[in-house]
C-alpha atoms as a PDB file:
ATOM      1  CA  UNK A   1     -26.125  -9.047 -49.415  1.00  0.00           C
ATOM      2  CA  UNK A   2     -23.394 -11.560 -48.656  1.00  0.00           C
ATOM      3  CA  UNK A   3     -19.952 -11.789 -50.250  1.00  0.00           C
ATOM      4  CA  UNK A   4     -20.258 -15.346 -51.559  1.00  0.00           C
ATOM      5  CA  UNK A   5     -23.072 -17.785 -52.238  1.00  0.00           C
ATOM      6  CA  UNK A   6     -23.842 -20.991 -54.090  1.00  0.00           C
ATOM      7  CA  UNK A   7     -26.724 -21.107 -56.546  1.00  0.00           C
ATOM      8  CA  UNK A   8     -28.603 -24.036 -58.068  1.00  0.00           C
ATOM      9  CA  UNK A   9     -31.659 -24.204 -60.286  1.00  0.00           C
ATOM     10  CA  UNK A  10     -34.211 -26.878 -61.091  1.00  0.00           C
ATOM     11  CA  UNK A  11     -37.867 -27.535 -61.699  1.00  0.00           C
ATOM     12  CA  UNK A  12     -40.222 -29.126 -59.192  1.00  0.00           C
ATOM     13  CA  UNK A  13     -39.556 -32.661 -60.414  1.00  0.00           C
ATOM     14  CA  UNK A  14     -35.849 -32.214 -59.688  1.00  0.00           C
ATOM     15  CA  UNK A  15     -36.183 -30.633 -56.259  1.00  0.00           C
ATOM     16  CA  UNK A  16     -35.245 -33.785 -54.309  1.00  0.00           C
ATOM     17  CA  UNK A  17     -32.006 -33.973 -56.286  1.00  0.00           C
ATOM     18  CA  UNK A  18     -31.326 -30.288 -55.582  1.00  0.00           C
ATOM     19  CA  UNK A  19     -32.023 -30.888 -51.891  1.00  0.00           C
ATOM     20  CA  UNK A  20     -29.350 -33.591 -51.725  1.00  0.00           C
ATOM     21  CA  UNK A  21     -26.881 -31.383 -53.559  1.00  0.00           C
ATOM     22  CA  UNK A  22     -27.532 -28.485 -51.164  1.00  0.00           C
ATOM     23  CA  UNK A  23     -27.227 -30.858 -48.220  1.00  0.00           C
ATOM     24  CA  UNK A  24     -23.811 -32.025 -49.417  1.00  0.00           C
ATOM     25  CA  UNK A  25     -22.539 -28.452 -49.842  1.00  0.00           C
ATOM     26  CA  UNK A  26     -23.912 -27.460 -46.461  1.00  0.00           C
ATOM     27  CA  UNK A  27     -21.954 -30.268 -44.803  1.00  0.00           C
ATOM     28  CA  UNK A  28     -18.653 -28.525 -45.597  1.00  0.00           C
ATOM     29  CA  UNK A  29     -19.527 -24.881 -46.244  1.00  0.00           C
ATOM     30  CA  UNK A  30     -21.098 -22.047 -44.282  1.00  0.00           C
ATOM     31  CA  UNK A  31     -21.904 -20.002 -47.376  1.00  0.00           C
ATOM     32  CA  UNK A  32     -25.479 -19.214 -48.299  1.00  0.00           C
ATOM     33  CA  UNK A  33     -27.140 -21.554 -50.818  1.00  0.00           C
ATOM     34  CA  UNK A  34     -29.914 -20.296 -53.102  1.00  0.00           C
ATOM     35  CA  UNK A  35     -32.005 -22.801 -55.056  1.00  0.00           C
ATOM     36  CA  UNK A  36     -34.086 -21.311 -57.862  1.00  0.00           C
ATOM     37  CA  UNK A  37     -37.102 -23.555 -58.479  1.00  0.00           C
ATOM     38  CA  UNK A  38     -38.891 -22.904 -61.739  1.00  0.00           C
ATOM     39  CA  UNK A  39     -42.655 -22.400 -61.571  1.00  0.00           C
ATOM     40  CA  UNK A  40     -43.041 -23.893 -58.115  1.00  0.00           C
ATOM     41  CA  UNK A  41     -43.448 -22.717 -54.546  1.00  0.00           C
ATOM     42  CA  UNK A  42     -41.957 -25.873 -53.037  1.00  0.00           C
ATOM     43  CA  UNK A  43     -39.366 -25.215 -50.346  1.00  0.00           C
ATOM     44  CA  UNK A  44     -36.146 -26.971 -49.397  1.00  0.00           C
ATOM     45  CA  UNK A  45     -36.219 -27.366 -45.591  1.00  0.00           C
ATOM     46  CA  UNK A  46     -32.518 -26.843 -44.844  1.00  0.00           C
ATOM     47  CA  UNK A  47     -30.773 -24.148 -42.820  1.00  0.00           C
ATOM     48  CA  UNK A  48     -28.864 -21.508 -44.800  1.00  0.00           C
ATOM     49  CA  UNK A  49     -30.794 -22.483 -47.928  1.00  0.00           C
ATOM     50  CA  UNK A  50     -33.108 -20.015 -49.653  1.00  0.00           C
ATOM     51  CA  UNK A  51     -35.628 -21.478 -52.088  1.00  0.00           C
ATOM     52  CA  UNK A  52     -36.567 -18.860 -54.660  1.00  0.00           C
ATOM     53  CA  UNK A  53     -39.602 -19.394 -56.954  1.00  0.00           C
ATOM     54  CA  UNK A  54     -38.533 -18.497 -60.491  1.00  0.00           C
ATOM     55  CA  UNK A  55     -41.466 -17.830 -62.790  1.00  0.00           C
ATOM     56  CA  UNK A  56     -40.849 -18.772 -66.383  1.00  0.00           C
ATOM     57  CA  UNK A  57     -42.469 -20.591 -69.292  1.00  0.00           C
ATOM     58  CA  UNK A  58     -39.786 -23.303 -69.188  1.00  0.00           C
ATOM     59  CA  UNK A  59     -40.998 -26.880 -69.278  1.00  0.00           C
ATOM     60  CA  UNK A  60     -41.787 -28.759 -66.100  1.00  0.00           C
ATOM     61  CA  UNK A  61     -41.655 -32.111 -67.869  1.00  0.00           C
ATOM     62  CA  UNK A  62     -38.209 -33.476 -68.648  1.00  0.00           C
ATOM     63  CA  UNK A  63     -37.539 -36.424 -70.911  1.00  0.00           C
ATOM     64  CA  UNK A  64     -35.018 -38.729 -69.245  1.00  0.00           C
ATOM     65  CA  UNK A  65     -33.109 -41.726 -70.540  1.00  0.00           C
ATOM     66  CA  UNK A  66     -32.390 -44.533 -68.082  1.00  0.00           C
ATOM     67  CA  UNK A  67     -29.016 -46.136 -67.501  1.00  0.00           C
ATOM     68  CA  UNK A  68     -28.558 -49.812 -66.707  1.00  0.00           C
ATOM     69  CA  UNK A  69     -27.885 -49.093 -63.033  1.00  0.00           C
ATOM     70  CA  UNK A  70     -31.118 -47.115 -62.588  1.00  0.00           C
ATOM     71  CA  UNK A  71     -29.558 -43.659 -62.811  1.00  0.00           C
ATOM     72  CA  UNK A  72     -30.778 -41.415 -65.615  1.00  0.00           C
ATOM     73  CA  UNK A  73     -29.783 -38.479 -67.754  1.00  0.00           C
ATOM     74  CA  UNK A  74     -31.525 -35.889 -69.893  1.00  0.00           C
ATOM     75  CA  UNK A  75     -32.494 -36.611 -73.476  1.00  0.00           C
ATOM     76  CA  UNK A  76     -30.679 -33.956 -75.505  1.00  0.00           C
ATOM     77  CA  UNK A  77     -32.977 -34.603 -78.449  1.00  0.00           C
ATOM     78  CA  UNK A  78     -35.779 -33.034 -76.414  1.00  0.00           C
ATOM     79  CA  UNK A  79     -35.794 -29.414 -77.615  1.00  0.00           C
ATOM     80  CA  UNK A  80     -38.173 -28.349 -74.822  1.00  0.00           C
ATOM     81  CA  UNK A  81     -35.262 -28.606 -72.383  1.00  0.00           C
ATOM     82  CA  UNK A  82     -33.520 -25.687 -73.998  1.00  0.00           C
ATOM     83  CA  UNK A  83     -35.578 -22.980 -72.313  1.00  0.00           C
ATOM     84  CA  UNK A  84     -35.097 -24.604 -68.921  1.00  0.00           C
ATOM     85  CA  UNK A  85     -31.320 -24.677 -69.196  1.00  0.00           C
ATOM     86  CA  UNK A  86     -30.797 -21.219 -70.683  1.00  0.00           C
ATOM     87  CA  UNK A  87     -32.182 -19.807 -67.435  1.00  0.00           C
ATOM     88  CA  UNK A  88     -28.664 -20.111 -65.997  1.00  0.00           C
ATOM     89  CA  UNK A  89     -27.387 -16.683 -67.123  1.00  0.00           C
ATOM     90  CA  UNK A  90     -30.645 -15.033 -66.033  1.00  0.00           C
ATOM     91  CA  UNK A  91     -30.620 -16.698 -62.637  1.00  0.00           C
ATOM     92  CA  UNK A  92     -26.958 -15.849 -62.151  1.00  0.00           C
ATOM     93  CA  UNK A  93     -27.737 -12.188 -62.842  1.00  0.00           C
ATOM     94  CA  UNK A  94     -30.613 -12.216 -60.386  1.00  0.00           C
ATOM     95  CA  UNK A  95     -28.511 -13.805 -57.651  1.00  0.00           C
ATOM     96  CA  UNK A  96     -25.749 -11.227 -58.131  1.00  0.00           C
ATOM     97  CA  UNK A  97     -28.241  -8.378 -57.859  1.00  0.00           C
ATOM     98  CA  UNK A  98     -30.283  -9.858 -55.024  1.00  0.00           C
ATOM     99  CA  UNK A  99     -28.068 -12.030 -52.812  1.00  0.00           C
ATOM    100  CA  UNK A 100     -24.289 -12.067 -53.250  1.00  0.00           C
ATOM    101  CA  UNK A 101     -21.329 -10.225 -54.746  1.00  0.00           C
ATOM    102  CA  UNK A 102     -19.826 -13.484 -56.018  1.00  0.00           C
ATOM    103  CA  UNK A 103     -21.656 -16.697 -56.825  1.00  0.00           C
ATOM    104  CA  UNK A 104     -20.723 -20.260 -57.704  1.00  0.00           C
ATOM    105  CA  UNK A 105     -23.274 -22.029 -59.876  1.00  0.00           C
ATOM    106  CA  UNK A 106     -23.522 -25.773 -59.170  1.00  0.00           C
ATOM    107  CA  UNK A 107     -25.318 -28.469 -61.169  1.00  0.00           C
ATOM    108  CA  UNK A 108     -28.012 -30.025 -58.991  1.00  0.00           C
ATOM    109  CA  UNK A 109     -26.846 -33.577 -59.648  1.00  0.00           C
ATOM    110  CA  UNK A 110     -23.636 -32.938 -57.732  1.00  0.00           C
ATOM    111  CA  UNK A 111     -22.279 -34.205 -54.429  1.00  0.00           C
ATOM    112  CA  UNK A 112     -19.789 -31.846 -52.798  1.00  0.00           C
ATOM    113  CA  UNK A 113     -16.551 -32.946 -51.164  1.00  0.00           C
ATOM    114  CA  UNK A 114     -14.863 -31.311 -48.191  1.00  0.00           C
ATOM    115  CA  UNK A 115     -12.897 -29.109 -50.613  1.00  0.00           C
ATOM    116  CA  UNK A 116     -16.017 -27.487 -52.061  1.00  0.00           C
ATOM    117  CA  UNK A 117     -15.241 -23.931 -50.906  1.00  0.00           C
ATOM    118  CA  UNK A 118     -12.013 -24.027 -52.939  1.00  0.00           C
ATOM    119  CA  UNK A 119     -14.164 -23.094 -55.919  1.00  0.00           C
ATOM    120  CA  UNK A 120     -14.167 -19.479 -54.762  1.00  0.00           C
ATOM    121  CA  UNK A 121     -10.362 -19.409 -54.932  1.00  0.00           C
ATOM    122  CA  UNK A 122     -10.739 -19.245 -58.704  1.00  0.00           C
ATOM    123  CA  UNK A 123     -12.675 -15.975 -58.755  1.00  0.00           C
ATOM    124  CA  UNK A 124     -11.170 -13.770 -61.452  1.00  0.00           C
ATOM    125  CA  UNK A 125     -11.707 -10.650 -63.512  1.00  0.00           C
ATOM    126  CA  UNK A 126     -13.032 -13.131 -66.068  1.00  0.00           C
ATOM    127  CA  UNK A 127     -16.146 -15.307 -65.754  1.00  0.00           C
ATOM    128  CA  UNK A 128     -14.746 -18.724 -64.821  1.00  0.00           C
ATOM    129  CA  UNK A 129     -16.376 -21.808 -66.348  1.00  0.00           C
ATOM    130  CA  UNK A 130     -15.401 -25.413 -65.707  1.00  0.00           C
ATOM    131  CA  UNK A 131     -13.069 -27.330 -67.951  1.00  0.00           C
ATOM    132  CA  UNK A 132     -14.681 -30.385 -69.494  1.00  0.00           C
ATOM    133  CA  UNK A 133     -13.117 -33.759 -70.295  1.00  0.00           C
ATOM    134  CA  UNK A 134     -12.794 -33.116 -74.054  1.00  0.00           C
ATOM    135  CA  UNK A 135     -11.620 -30.507 -76.562  1.00  0.00           C
ATOM    136  CA  UNK A 136     -14.500 -31.174 -78.970  1.00  0.00           C
ATOM    137  CA  UNK A 137     -17.967 -32.609 -78.405  1.00  0.00           C
ATOM    138  CA  UNK A 138     -20.126 -34.825 -80.624  1.00  0.00           C
ATOM    139  CA  UNK A 139     -23.856 -35.331 -80.939  1.00  0.00           C
ATOM    140  CA  UNK A 140     -25.978 -37.469 -83.275  1.00  0.00           C
ATOM    141  CA  UNK A 141     -23.064 -38.143 -85.617  1.00  0.00           C
ATOM    142  CA  UNK A 142     -22.016 -34.489 -85.760  1.00  0.00           C
ATOM    143  CA  UNK A 143     -19.122 -32.624 -84.198  1.00  0.00           C
ATOM    144  CA  UNK A 144     -15.404 -32.887 -83.684  1.00  0.00           C
ATOM    145  CA  UNK A 145     -12.650 -31.837 -86.063  1.00  0.00           C
ATOM    146  CA  UNK A 146     -10.121 -33.890 -87.997  1.00  0.00           C
ATOM    147  CA  UNK A 147      -7.482 -31.176 -87.891  1.00  0.00           C
ATOM    148  CA  UNK A 148      -6.978 -27.681 -86.540  1.00  0.00           C
ATOM    149  CA  UNK A 149      -7.044 -26.136 -90.023  1.00  0.00           C
ATOM    150  CA  UNK A 150     -10.657 -27.114 -90.699  1.00  0.00           C
ATOM    151  CA  UNK A 151     -13.182 -26.529 -87.925  1.00  0.00           C
ATOM    152  CA  UNK A 152     -16.246 -26.532 -90.169  1.00  0.00           C
ATOM    153  CA  UNK A 153     -17.411 -29.859 -88.705  1.00  0.00           C
ATOM    154  CA  UNK A 154     -17.558 -28.771 -85.059  1.00  0.00           C
ATOM    155  CA  UNK A 155     -20.853 -28.455 -83.213  1.00  0.00           C
ATOM    156  CA  UNK A 156     -20.129 -24.765 -82.660  1.00  0.00           C
ATOM    157  CA  UNK A 157     -19.585 -23.952 -86.346  1.00  0.00           C
ATOM    158  CA  UNK A 158     -23.247 -23.014 -87.046  1.00  0.00           C
ATOM    159  CA  UNK A 159     -23.334 -20.739 -83.995  1.00  0.00           C
ATOM    160  CA  UNK A 160     -20.132 -19.027 -85.097  1.00  0.00           C
ATOM    161  CA  UNK A 161     -21.706 -18.514 -88.525  1.00  0.00           C
ATOM    162  CA  UNK A 162     -24.772 -16.849 -87.000  1.00  0.00           C
ATOM    163  CA  UNK A 163     -22.787 -14.441 -84.836  1.00  0.00           C
ATOM    164  CA  UNK A 164     -19.828 -13.965 -87.210  1.00  0.00           C
ATOM    165  CA  UNK A 165     -17.383 -15.330 -84.640  1.00  0.00           C
ATOM    166  CA  UNK A 166     -13.956 -16.556 -85.691  1.00  0.00           C
ATOM    167  CA  UNK A 167     -13.984 -20.109 -84.333  1.00  0.00           C
ATOM    168  CA  UNK A 168     -10.224 -20.404 -84.820  1.00  0.00           C
ATOM    169  CA  UNK A 169      -9.837 -18.237 -81.753  1.00  0.00           C
ATOM    170  CA  UNK A 170     -10.528 -21.334 -79.652  1.00  0.00           C
ATOM    171  CA  UNK A 171      -6.747 -21.937 -79.784  1.00  0.00           C
ATOM    172  CA  UNK A 172      -7.011 -25.640 -78.951  1.00  0.00           C
ATOM    173  CA  UNK A 173      -8.405 -24.746 -75.556  1.00  0.00           C
ATOM    174  CA  UNK A 174     -10.566 -27.258 -73.716  1.00  0.00           C
ATOM    175  CA  UNK A 175     -14.336 -26.994 -74.155  1.00  0.00           C
ATOM    176  CA  UNK A 176     -15.947 -25.217 -71.190  1.00  0.00           C
ATOM    177  CA  UNK A 177     -19.130 -26.479 -69.555  1.00  0.00           C
ATOM    178  CA  UNK A 178     -21.709 -24.668 -67.455  1.00  0.00           C
ATOM    179  CA  UNK A 179     -22.220 -27.211 -64.710  1.00  0.00           C
ATOM    180  CA  UNK A 180     -19.883 -25.201 -62.518  1.00  0.00           C
ATOM    181  CA  UNK A 181     -18.951 -21.559 -62.865  1.00  0.00           C
ATOM    182  CA  UNK A 182     -17.912 -18.591 -60.731  1.00  0.00           C
ATOM    183  CA  UNK A 183     -18.995 -15.055 -61.572  1.00  0.00           C
ATOM    184  CA  UNK A 184     -19.170 -11.760 -59.726  1.00  0.00           C
ATOM    185  CA  UNK A 185     -21.086  -8.526 -60.172  1.00  0.00           C
ATOM    186  CA  UNK A 186     -18.628  -7.182 -62.747  1.00  0.00           C
ATOM    187  CA  UNK A 187     -19.633 -10.069 -65.041  1.00  0.00           C
ATOM    188  CA  UNK A 188     -23.307  -9.109 -65.331  1.00  0.00           C
ATOM    189  CA  UNK A 189     -22.785  -7.579 -68.819  1.00  0.00           C
ATOM    190  CA  UNK A 190     -21.231 -10.866 -69.960  1.00  0.00           C
ATOM    191  CA  UNK A 191     -24.178 -12.833 -68.557  1.00  0.00           C
ATOM    192  CA  UNK A 192     -26.611 -10.536 -70.371  1.00  0.00           C
ATOM    193  CA  UNK A 193     -24.808 -11.005 -73.671  1.00  0.00           C
ATOM    194  CA  UNK A 194     -24.708 -14.767 -73.168  1.00  0.00           C
ATOM    195  CA  UNK A 195     -28.476 -14.902 -72.617  1.00  0.00           C
ATOM    196  CA  UNK A 196     -29.174 -12.681 -75.617  1.00  0.00           C
ATOM    197  CA  UNK A 197     -27.231 -15.131 -77.763  1.00  0.00           C
ATOM    198  CA  UNK A 198     -29.241 -18.026 -76.330  1.00  0.00           C
ATOM    199  CA  UNK A 199     -32.546 -16.462 -77.383  1.00  0.00           C
ATOM    200  CA  UNK A 200     -31.509 -15.618 -80.930  1.00  0.00           C
ATOM    201  CA  UNK A 201     -34.587 -16.373 -83.106  1.00  0.00           C
ATOM    202  CA  UNK A 202     -32.652 -18.630 -85.478  1.00  0.00           C
ATOM    203  CA  UNK A 203     -31.470 -20.787 -82.572  1.00  0.00           C
ATOM    204  CA  UNK A 204     -34.912 -20.904 -80.986  1.00  0.00           C
ATOM    205  CA  UNK A 205     -36.341 -22.375 -84.201  1.00  0.00           C
ATOM    206  CA  UNK A 206     -34.067 -25.422 -83.916  1.00  0.00           C
ATOM    207  CA  UNK A 207     -32.129 -25.520 -80.616  1.00  0.00           C
ATOM    208  CA  UNK A 208     -31.354 -29.231 -80.926  1.00  0.00           C
ATOM    209  CA  UNK A 209     -29.351 -28.535 -84.081  1.00  0.00           C
ATOM    210  CA  UNK A 210     -27.682 -25.272 -83.110  1.00  0.00           C
ATOM    211  CA  UNK A 211     -27.169 -25.968 -79.401  1.00  0.00           C
ATOM    212  CA  UNK A 212     -27.365 -29.708 -78.651  1.00  0.00           C
ATOM    213  CA  UNK A 213     -25.530 -28.960 -75.406  1.00  0.00           C
ATOM    214  CA  UNK A 214     -27.961 -26.113 -74.778  1.00  0.00           C
ATOM    215  CA  UNK A 215     -26.524 -22.979 -73.159  1.00  0.00           C
ATOM    216  CA  UNK A 216     -22.950 -24.233 -73.633  1.00  0.00           C
ATOM    217  CA  UNK A 217     -23.402 -23.947 -77.392  1.00  0.00           C
ATOM    218  CA  UNK A 218     -23.411 -20.166 -77.204  1.00  0.00           C
ATOM    219  CA  UNK A 219     -21.118 -19.833 -74.197  1.00  0.00           C
ATOM    220  CA  UNK A 220     -18.013 -21.292 -75.810  1.00  0.00           C
ATOM    221  CA  UNK A 221     -18.089 -19.142 -78.956  1.00  0.00           C
ATOM    222  CA  UNK A 222     -18.708 -16.078 -76.769  1.00  0.00           C
ATOM    223  CA  UNK A 223     -15.636 -16.925 -74.677  1.00  0.00           C
ATOM    224  CA  UNK A 224     -13.515 -17.395 -77.811  1.00  0.00           C
ATOM    225  CA  UNK A 225     -14.795 -14.163 -79.310  1.00  0.00           C
ATOM    226  CA  UNK A 226     -13.740 -12.278 -76.201  1.00  0.00           C
ATOM    227  CA  UNK A 227     -10.385 -14.090 -75.995  1.00  0.00           C
ATOM    228  CA  UNK A 228     -11.285 -15.476 -72.577  1.00  0.00           C
ATOM    229  CA  UNK A 229      -9.186 -18.588 -72.139  1.00  0.00           C
ATOM    230  CA  UNK A 230      -8.980 -18.713 -68.362  1.00  0.00           C
ATOM    231  CA  UNK A 231     -11.450 -20.794 -66.422  1.00  0.00           C
ATOM    232  CA  UNK A 232     -11.957 -23.327 -63.710  1.00  0.00           C
ATOM    233  CA  UNK A 233      -9.762 -26.407 -64.058  1.00  0.00           C
ATOM    234  CA  UNK A 234     -11.266 -29.871 -63.969  1.00  0.00           C
ATOM    235  CA  UNK A 235     -12.948 -29.869 -60.534  1.00  0.00           C
ATOM    236  CA  UNK A 236     -15.256 -32.895 -60.708  1.00  0.00           C
ATOM    237  CA  UNK A 237     -15.577 -36.520 -61.696  1.00  0.00           C
ATOM    238  CA  UNK A 238     -18.569 -38.012 -63.450  1.00  0.00           C
ATOM    239  CA  UNK A 239     -20.128 -40.928 -61.596  1.00  0.00           C
ATOM    240  CA  UNK A 240     -19.528 -44.379 -63.048  1.00  0.00           C
ATOM    241  CA  UNK A 241     -22.255 -46.682 -64.306  1.00  0.00           C
ATOM    242  CA  UNK A 242     -20.976 -50.040 -63.103  1.00  0.00           C
ATOM    243  CA  UNK A 243     -18.628 -49.200 -60.203  1.00  0.00           C
ATOM    244  CA  UNK A 244     -18.752 -47.369 -56.901  1.00  0.00           C
ATOM    245  CA  UNK A 245     -17.226 -44.065 -57.993  1.00  0.00           C
ATOM    246  CA  UNK A 246     -15.973 -43.054 -54.558  1.00  0.00           C
ATOM    247  CA  UNK A 247     -14.222 -46.412 -54.111  1.00  0.00           C
ATOM    248  CA  UNK A 248     -12.592 -46.074 -57.528  1.00  0.00           C
ATOM    249  CA  UNK A 249     -11.383 -42.553 -56.788  1.00  0.00           C
ATOM    250  CA  UNK A 250      -9.897 -43.698 -53.472  1.00  0.00           C
ATOM    251  CA  UNK A 251      -7.669 -46.099 -55.403  1.00  0.00           C
ATOM    252  CA  UNK A 252      -6.149 -43.315 -57.510  1.00  0.00           C
ATOM    253  CA  UNK A 253      -2.650 -41.989 -56.992  1.00  0.00           C
ATOM    254  CA  UNK A 254      -3.057 -38.231 -57.404  1.00  0.00           C
ATOM    255  CA  UNK A 255       0.165 -37.053 -59.055  1.00  0.00           C
ATOM    256  CA  UNK A 256      -0.734 -33.502 -60.040  1.00  0.00           C
ATOM    257  CA  UNK A 257      -1.790 -34.385 -63.591  1.00  0.00           C
ATOM    258  CA  UNK A 258      -5.417 -34.860 -64.674  1.00  0.00           C
ATOM    259  CA  UNK A 259      -6.008 -38.507 -65.488  1.00  0.00           C
ATOM    260  CA  UNK A 260      -8.261 -39.683 -68.313  1.00  0.00           C
ATOM    261  CA  UNK A 261      -9.415 -43.067 -67.013  1.00  0.00           C
ATOM    262  CA  UNK A 262     -12.535 -43.517 -69.112  1.00  0.00           C
ATOM    263  CA  UNK A 263     -11.073 -46.362 -71.155  1.00  0.00           C
ATOM    264  CA  UNK A 264     -10.741 -48.408 -67.955  1.00  0.00           C
ATOM    265  CA  UNK A 265     -14.505 -48.550 -67.434  1.00  0.00           C
ATOM    266  CA  UNK A 266     -17.261 -49.921 -69.618  1.00  0.00           C
ATOM    267  CA  UNK A 267     -19.419 -47.161 -71.174  1.00  0.00           C
ATOM    268  CA  UNK A 268     -17.744 -44.446 -69.083  1.00  0.00           C
ATOM    269  CA  UNK A 269     -15.426 -42.583 -71.430  1.00  0.00           C
ATOM    270  CA  UNK A 270     -16.333 -39.331 -69.598  1.00  0.00           C
ATOM    271  CA  UNK A 271     -14.459 -40.464 -66.481  1.00  0.00           C
ATOM    272  CA  UNK A 272     -11.575 -38.055 -65.998  1.00  0.00           C
ATOM    273  CA  UNK A 273     -10.067 -37.219 -62.604  1.00  0.00           C
ATOM    274  CA  UNK A 274      -8.451 -33.957 -61.400  1.00  0.00           C
ATOM    275  CA  UNK A 275      -4.726 -34.131 -60.744  1.00  0.00           C
ATOM    276  CA  UNK A 276      -4.953 -33.322 -57.046  1.00  0.00           C
ATOM    277  CA  UNK A 277      -7.482 -34.425 -54.473  1.00  0.00           C
ATOM    278  CA  UNK A 278      -8.075 -30.903 -53.158  1.00  0.00           C
ATOM    279  CA  UNK A 279      -9.225 -30.004 -56.677  1.00  0.00           C
ATOM    280  CA  UNK A 280     -11.868 -32.735 -56.644  1.00  0.00           C
ATOM    281  CA  UNK A 281     -14.780 -30.608 -55.461  1.00  0.00           C
ATOM    282  CA  UNK A 282     -17.740 -32.600 -56.789  1.00  0.00           C
ATOM    283  CA  UNK A 283     -18.987 -35.995 -57.858  1.00  0.00           C
ATOM    284  CA  UNK A 284     -21.290 -35.256 -60.777  1.00  0.00           C
ATOM    285  CA  UNK A 285     -24.182 -37.017 -62.468  1.00  0.00           C
ATOM    286  CA  UNK A 286     -26.002 -38.954 -59.754  1.00  0.00           C
ATOM    287  CA  UNK A 287     -29.736 -38.186 -59.791  1.00  0.00           C
ATOM    288  CA  UNK A 288     -31.192 -40.774 -57.410  1.00  0.00           C
ATOM    289  CA  UNK A 289     -31.717 -39.009 -54.053  1.00  0.00           C
ATOM    290  CA  UNK A 290     -31.311 -42.218 -52.035  1.00  0.00           C
ATOM    291  CA  UNK A 291     -27.939 -42.911 -53.688  1.00  0.00           C
ATOM    292  CA  UNK A 292     -26.880 -39.293 -53.247  1.00  0.00           C
ATOM    293  CA  UNK A 293     -27.659 -39.639 -49.531  1.00  0.00           C
ATOM    294  CA  UNK A 294     -25.435 -42.703 -49.310  1.00  0.00           C
ATOM    295  CA  UNK A 295     -22.623 -40.901 -51.122  1.00  0.00           C
ATOM    296  CA  UNK A 296     -22.815 -37.961 -48.707  1.00  0.00           C
ATOM    297  CA  UNK A 297     -22.532 -40.336 -45.747  1.00  0.00           C
ATOM    298  CA  UNK A 298     -19.710 -42.289 -47.348  1.00  0.00           C
ATOM    299  CA  UNK A 299     -17.655 -39.171 -48.040  1.00  0.00           C
ATOM    300  CA  UNK A 300     -18.311 -38.034 -44.462  1.00  0.00           C
ATOM    301  CA  UNK A 301     -17.005 -41.334 -43.113  1.00  0.00           C
ATOM    302  CA  UNK A 302     -13.880 -41.106 -45.268  1.00  0.00           C
ATOM    303  CA  UNK A 303     -13.202 -37.638 -43.932  1.00  0.00           C
END
């Protein structure tokens, strides 16, 4: 068992994307990388990468929506995705028992920068999940809150009703996402509780309603319920649709304050940049392996 490792998970159709992600991490890190591939024996042929076949009844067919530039993203209206994505807490538990004392989970559609190993600097007594760009999320005309005194319209309100969680404990803290998180062996009980919430029978009947952002829908209320407000800061940028994201980031004057630049780009209101360059650990959202390869080379040339 090693002290630290990166973990990813995907199905067979996503394995080329996971390969590029692992390749980008490997360029700057010597830590072990474990890729859990659901219901497949395909291997990733890279040094210091373990491909682990994860047997599960999760779907192997993913419904994608195409962007104008040829990139794509998951269709959150597809309820069959839910079982695939709630494997994260189970896989994290397995990795902590089988491979490493501390793990960093990384979304497969990520390209690492030379600062990638900084993610382990955030290890804490708390499970550390990444800060997202927004305080409240929306989906299909639902979500958000007009004021702090009435949170009945938030996406998490139905989940809080199921588990009798006081949503007002969120304390205006930023929504946490599960694309990047750091946990150690002391957090296994938390991971177990998170998964048990994910498989609540009421949620499983209609996951698109209760958890449109899948496993994050239960994670955030669980964090609030436990008064866990620490987490990873913003450590990534989402790739742009109509611009070269790396070129755009190189133009930025990093002044120590996170910058919300989404309004500067057409259809890219999720574009927010960490305040310091050594906190920019990943470019997130690119799923075309050939473009990911070019991004890895470009970042290498810049370095």
